[in-house]
Amino acid sequence: MKLKNIPEDIRTKSIKEAQNEIKEIITQLENKEINLENSIQHYNRMIHLNYHIQKQFRKKANEIKHLKLDKNKKNIIKDPK
């Protein structure tokens, strides 16, 4: 699934907001009175939300990695032993 397929309203959500919406969708999907078409739409939205969360986690992990690398470089320059 590519990012361009992710709806704009999902791309602007925080990780926590996306997780909360997934929980709501799961609750709706567990309702036996929901029709098949709605179930499919909810499921597809949940897949988009999950992909968005994964992308945000990768982005945060890269930011942390770069901060750690930058900090290590500064420490090496400041303390050349």
C-alpha atoms as a PDB file:
ATOM      1  CA  MET A   1       0.000   0.000   0.000  1.00  0.00           C
ATOM      2  CA  LYS A   2       1.480   3.311  -1.009  1.00  0.00           C
ATOM      3  CA  LEU A   3       1.218   6.547   0.930  1.00  0.00           C
ATOM      4  CA  LYS A   4      -0.654   8.218  -1.922  1.00  0.00           C
ATOM      5  CA  ASN A   5      -3.498   5.754  -1.298  1.00  0.00           C
ATOM      6  CA  ILE A   6      -3.786   6.816   2.338  1.00  0.00           C
ATOM      7  CA  PRO A   7      -6.644   9.308   2.771  1.00  0.00           C
ATOM      8  CA  GLU A   8      -5.553  12.801   3.775  1.00  0.00           C
ATOM      9  CA  ASP A   9      -7.573  12.722   6.997  1.00  0.00           C
ATOM     10  CA  ILE A  10      -5.558   9.679   8.115  1.00  0.00           C
ATOM     11  CA  ARG A  11      -2.197  11.192   7.147  1.00  0.00           C
ATOM     12  CA  THR A  12      -2.805  14.097   9.524  1.00  0.00           C
ATOM     13  CA  LYS A  13      -3.583  11.895  12.541  1.00  0.00           C
ATOM     14  CA  SER A  14      -1.191  11.331  15.387  1.00  0.00           C
ATOM     15  CA  ILE A  15      -0.254   7.763  16.274  1.00  0.00           C
ATOM     16  CA  LYS A  16      -2.545   7.899  19.305  1.00  0.00           C
ATOM     17  CA  GLU A  17      -5.486   9.200  17.245  1.00  0.00           C
ATOM     18  CA  ALA A  18      -4.991   6.460  14.662  1.00  0.00           C
ATOM     19  CA  GLN A  19      -4.792   3.795  17.385  1.00  0.00           C
ATOM     20  CA  ASN A  20      -8.010   5.086  18.953  1.00  0.00           C
ATOM     21  CA  GLU A  21      -9.809   4.977  15.619  1.00  0.00           C
ATOM     22  CA  ILE A  22      -8.630   1.408  15.056  1.00  0.00           C
ATOM     23  CA  LYS A  23     -10.089   0.457  18.449  1.00  0.00           C
ATOM     24  CA  GLU A  24     -13.403   2.057  17.445  1.00  0.00           C
ATOM     25  CA  ILE A  25     -13.416   0.186  14.136  1.00  0.00           C
ATOM     26  CA  ILE A  26     -12.715  -3.125  15.858  1.00  0.00           C
ATOM     27  CA  THR A  27     -15.652  -2.499  18.182  1.00  0.00           C
ATOM     28  CA  GLN A  28     -17.875  -1.774  15.175  1.00  0.00           C
ATOM     29  CA  LEU A  29     -16.635  -4.861  13.312  1.00  0.00           C
ATOM     30  CA  GLU A  30     -17.424  -7.031  16.320  1.00  0.00           C
ATOM     31  CA  ASN A  31     -21.051  -5.880  16.060  1.00  0.00           C
ATOM     32  CA  LYS A  32     -22.850  -8.693  14.304  1.00  0.00           C
ATOM     33  CA  GLU A  33     -25.488  -6.345  12.902  1.00  0.00           C
ATOM     34  CA  ILE A  34     -23.083  -4.446  10.624  1.00  0.00           C
ATOM     35  CA  ASN A  35     -23.521  -5.272   6.942  1.00  0.00           C
ATOM     36  CA  LEU A  36     -20.786  -6.742   4.763  1.00  0.00           C
ATOM     37  CA  GLU A  37     -20.212  -3.602   2.675  1.00  0.00           C
ATOM     38  CA  ASN A  38     -19.683  -1.458   5.769  1.00  0.00           C
ATOM     39  CA  SER A  39     -17.447  -4.129   7.270  1.00  0.00           C
ATOM     40  CA  ILE A  40     -15.237  -4.055   4.191  1.00  0.00           C
ATOM     41  CA  GLN A  41     -15.036  -0.242   4.274  1.00  0.00           C
ATOM     42  CA  HIS A  42     -14.155  -0.270   7.968  1.00  0.00           C
ATOM     43  CA  TYR A  43     -11.571  -2.994   7.442  1.00  0.00           C
ATOM     44  CA  ASN A  44      -9.915  -1.083   4.589  1.00  0.00           C
ATOM     45  CA  ARG A  45      -9.800   2.081   6.696  1.00  0.00           C
ATOM     46  CA  MET A  46      -8.232   0.100   9.514  1.00  0.00           C
ATOM     47  CA  ILE A  47      -5.542  -1.159   7.111  1.00  0.00           C
ATOM     48  CA  HIS A  48      -4.819   2.442   6.060  1.00  0.00           C
ATOM     49  CA  LEU A  49      -4.610   3.527   9.707  1.00  0.00           C
ATOM     50  CA  ASN A  50      -2.254   0.675  10.519  1.00  0.00           C
ATOM     51  CA  TYR A  51       0.004   1.535   7.586  1.00  0.00           C
ATOM     52  CA  HIS A  52       0.043   5.160   8.730  1.00  0.00           C
ATOM     53  CA  ILE A  53       1.037   4.110  12.265  1.00  0.00           C
ATOM     54  CA  GLN A  54       3.861   1.935  10.919  1.00  0.00           C
ATOM     55  CA  LYS A  55       5.130   4.809   8.791  1.00  0.00           C
ATOM     56  CA  GLN A  56       5.044   7.186  11.765  1.00  0.00           C
ATOM     57  CA  PHE A  57       6.949   4.701  13.940  1.00  0.00           C
ATOM     58  CA  ARG A  58       9.633   4.309  11.254  1.00  0.00           C
ATOM     59  CA  LYS A  59       9.872   8.105  10.963  1.00  0.00           C
ATOM     60  CA  LYS A  60      10.254   8.500  14.758  1.00  0.00           C
ATOM     61  CA  ALA A  61      12.834   5.694  14.900  1.00  0.00           C
ATOM     62  CA  ASN A  62      14.891   7.398  12.181  1.00  0.00           C
ATOM     63  CA  GLU A  63      14.684  10.732  13.999  1.00  0.00           C
ATOM     64  CA  ILE A  64      15.919   9.096  17.220  1.00  0.00           C
ATOM     65  CA  LYS A  65      18.688   7.303  15.334  1.00  0.00           C
ATOM     66  CA  HIS A  66      19.863  10.550  13.720  1.00  0.00           C
ATOM     67  CA  LEU A  67      19.729  12.441  17.026  1.00  0.00           C
ATOM     68  CA  LYS A  68      21.799   9.711  18.650  1.00  0.00           C
ATOM     69  CA  LEU A  69      24.327   9.768  15.791  1.00  0.00           C
ATOM     70  CA  ASP A  70      24.543  13.566  15.918  1.00  0.00           C
ATOM     71  CA  LYS A  71      25.050  13.483  19.673  1.00  0.00           C
ATOM     72  CA  ASN A  72      27.800  10.869  19.322  1.00  0.00           C
ATOM     73  CA  LYS A  73      29.547  12.972  16.658  1.00  0.00           C
ATOM     74  CA  LYS A  74      29.471  16.028  18.929  1.00  0.00           C
ATOM     75  CA  ASN A  75      30.876  14.000  21.820  1.00  0.00           C
ATOM     76  CA  ILE A  76      33.711  12.723  19.634  1.00  0.00           C
ATOM     77  CA  ILE A  77      34.594  16.274  18.520  1.00  0.00           C
ATOM     78  CA  LYS A  78      34.410  17.683  22.049  1.00  0.00           C
ATOM     79  CA  ASP A  79      36.403  14.888  23.663  1.00  0.00           C
ATOM     80  CA  PRO A  80      39.150  13.692  21.285  1.00  0.00           C
ATOM     81  CA  LYS A  81      41.133  11.165  23.362  1.00  0.00           C
END
